[in-house]
């Protein structure tokens, strides 16, 4: 609910301060949220980035599915699959490996993990909303 403000400079200042405070409060809750997990541990909720640590293995399994026993034929088939997958496959592979690298660089040791602002990590929570609530509680208690 908006309060009534007079047209005086103090009224506008009060309105500006109220709006600034509202924007600042929104900025605190609009954190960058990453979910780091694998297929074994699904996570519920919205995140800015989902990193599945087993994604590279799954993509490699797609590429190597039903390969012939002959090494030359197998290599040729994998090359054909890579070529047919084109840029989209290359991007999937690059994103999958970049995700693993980013999780490793943050020191993630368990899944699922919810990472907020690349600073706070909540392990073992499969609900993003609850993980965010825990981070917000910690922020309030540790000014």
Protein backbone atom coordinates (compact mmCIF):
# COMPACT_ATOMS: atom_id res chain seq x y z
CA UNK A 1 0.00 0.00 0.00
CA UNK A 2 1.36 3.40 -0.96
CA UNK A 3 1.06 6.19 1.54
CA UNK A 4 -0.03 9.66 0.47
CA UNK A 5 2.87 12.05 0.02
CA UNK A 6 2.50 15.77 -0.31
CA UNK A 7 4.17 17.66 -3.12
CA UNK A 8 6.67 19.21 -0.76
CA UNK A 9 10.38 18.39 -1.14
CA UNK A 10 10.22 16.40 2.09
CA UNK A 11 7.31 14.34 0.73
CA UNK A 12 9.26 13.49 -2.42
CA UNK A 13 12.35 12.70 -0.37
CA UNK A 14 10.32 10.36 1.82
CA UNK A 15 8.89 8.66 -1.29
CA UNK A 16 12.36 8.34 -2.83
CA UNK A 17 13.78 6.82 0.35
CA UNK A 18 10.89 4.37 0.58
CA UNK A 19 11.38 3.29 -3.04
CA UNK A 20 15.15 2.98 -2.55
CA UNK A 21 14.60 0.79 0.51
CA UNK A 22 12.17 -1.40 -1.41
CA UNK A 23 14.64 -1.80 -4.26
CA UNK A 24 17.46 -2.64 -1.85
CA UNK A 25 15.31 -5.29 -0.17
CA UNK A 26 14.53 -6.79 -3.56
CA UNK A 27 18.22 -6.85 -4.48
CA UNK A 28 19.06 -8.88 -1.37
CA UNK A 29 16.56 -11.59 -2.28
CA UNK A 30 17.40 -11.55 -5.99
CA UNK A 31 20.60 -13.53 -5.48
CA UNK A 32 22.33 -15.66 -8.08
CA UNK A 33 21.38 -19.23 -7.28
CA UNK A 34 23.15 -22.30 -8.61
CA UNK A 35 22.00 -25.85 -8.02
CA UNK A 36 24.74 -28.48 -8.18
CA UNK A 37 23.52 -32.05 -8.25
CA UNK A 38 23.27 -35.20 -10.36
CA UNK A 39 20.43 -37.38 -11.61
CA UNK A 40 20.40 -39.37 -8.39
CA UNK A 41 19.51 -36.27 -6.32
CA UNK A 42 16.84 -34.17 -8.05
CA UNK A 43 16.28 -30.68 -6.65
CA UNK A 44 12.99 -28.76 -6.65
CA UNK A 45 12.75 -25.06 -7.31
CA UNK A 46 14.04 -22.33 -9.56
CA UNK A 47 17.71 -21.60 -9.98
CA UNK A 48 19.74 -19.37 -12.25
CA UNK A 49 21.99 -22.26 -13.16
CA UNK A 50 21.69 -26.02 -12.90
CA UNK A 51 24.94 -27.98 -12.86
CA UNK A 52 24.58 -31.73 -13.15
CA UNK A 53 27.91 -33.28 -12.29
CA UNK A 54 27.07 -36.46 -14.17
CA UNK A 55 26.15 -34.62 -17.40
CA UNK A 56 29.54 -35.20 -19.11
CA UNK A 57 29.30 -38.93 -18.39
CA UNK A 58 25.75 -39.09 -19.76
CA UNK A 59 26.75 -37.27 -22.96
CA UNK A 60 29.76 -39.55 -23.41
CA UNK A 61 27.47 -42.56 -22.91
CA UNK A 62 25.22 -41.25 -25.71
CA UNK A 63 28.23 -40.96 -27.99
CA UNK A 64 29.52 -44.43 -27.18
CA UNK A 65 26.19 -46.29 -27.16
CA UNK A 66 26.12 -49.50 -29.21
CA UNK A 67 29.57 -49.10 -30.69
CA UNK A 68 30.95 -51.95 -32.77
CA UNK A 69 33.76 -54.06 -31.33
CA UNK A 70 36.18 -53.05 -34.06
CA UNK A 71 38.16 -50.01 -32.78
CA UNK A 72 38.38 -48.35 -36.20
CA UNK A 73 34.66 -48.70 -36.84
CA UNK A 74 33.89 -47.50 -33.32
CA UNK A 75 36.11 -44.43 -33.75
CA UNK A 76 34.50 -43.64 -37.10
CA UNK A 77 31.01 -43.95 -35.61
CA UNK A 78 31.89 -41.65 -32.70
CA UNK A 79 33.34 -39.11 -35.15
CA UNK A 80 30.15 -39.28 -37.23
CA UNK A 81 28.01 -38.78 -34.11
CA UNK A 82 30.12 -35.80 -33.09
CA UNK A 83 29.80 -34.33 -36.58
CA UNK A 84 26.04 -34.96 -36.76
CA UNK A 85 25.55 -33.45 -33.32
CA UNK A 86 27.19 -30.31 -34.62
CA UNK A 87 27.42 -27.11 -32.68
CA UNK A 88 24.59 -28.06 -30.31
CA UNK A 89 26.46 -31.16 -29.13
CA UNK A 90 29.69 -29.19 -28.78
CA UNK A 91 27.86 -26.60 -26.66
CA UNK A 92 26.28 -29.31 -24.47
CA UNK A 93 29.69 -30.90 -23.87
CA UNK A 94 31.36 -27.56 -23.18
CA UNK A 95 28.60 -26.49 -20.77
CA UNK A 96 28.68 -29.85 -18.98
CA UNK A 97 32.43 -29.75 -18.43
CA UNK A 98 32.36 -26.04 -17.51
CA UNK A 99 29.75 -26.83 -14.87
CA UNK A 100 31.94 -29.53 -13.36
CA UNK A 101 34.89 -27.13 -13.39
CA UNK A 102 32.87 -24.36 -11.74
CA UNK A 103 31.58 -26.69 -9.02
CA UNK A 104 35.10 -27.94 -8.38
CA UNK A 105 36.46 -24.38 -8.21
CA UNK A 106 33.85 -23.53 -5.55
CA UNK A 107 34.98 -26.53 -3.53
CA UNK A 108 31.65 -28.35 -3.70
CA UNK A 109 32.07 -31.67 -1.93
CA UNK A 110 28.54 -33.14 -1.82
CA UNK A 111 25.32 -33.09 -3.78
CA UNK A 112 22.80 -31.69 -3.80
CA UNK A 113 24.24 -28.26 -3.13
CA UNK A 114 22.52 -24.91 -3.46
CA UNK A 115 25.01 -22.09 -3.97
CA UNK A 116 23.96 -18.46 -3.42
CA UNK A 117 26.06 -15.64 -4.85
CA UNK A 118 28.97 -18.08 -5.22
CA UNK A 119 29.51 -17.46 -1.51
CA UNK A 120 27.01 -19.45 0.54
CA UNK A 121 26.49 -23.21 0.13
CA UNK A 122 23.68 -25.30 1.56
CA UNK A 123 24.35 -29.04 1.30
CA UNK A 124 21.75 -31.78 1.33
CA UNK A 125 18.70 -29.57 0.77
CA UNK A 126 16.59 -30.68 -2.20
CA UNK A 127 14.28 -27.64 -2.05
CA UNK A 128 15.74 -24.38 -3.36
CA UNK A 129 13.25 -22.23 -1.42
CA UNK A 130 14.23 -23.82 1.88
CA UNK A 131 17.93 -23.47 1.07
CA UNK A 132 17.41 -19.77 0.29
CA UNK A 133 15.54 -19.31 3.56
CA UNK A 134 18.49 -20.85 5.44
CA UNK A 135 20.91 -18.49 3.69
CA UNK A 136 18.72 -15.46 4.46
CA UNK A 137 18.49 -16.52 8.12
CA UNK A 138 22.27 -16.85 8.28
CA UNK A 139 22.71 -13.41 6.68
CA UNK A 140 20.41 -11.84 9.27
CA UNK A 141 22.25 -13.53 12.15
CA UNK A 142 25.73 -12.71 10.78
CA UNK A 143 25.62 -9.02 9.79
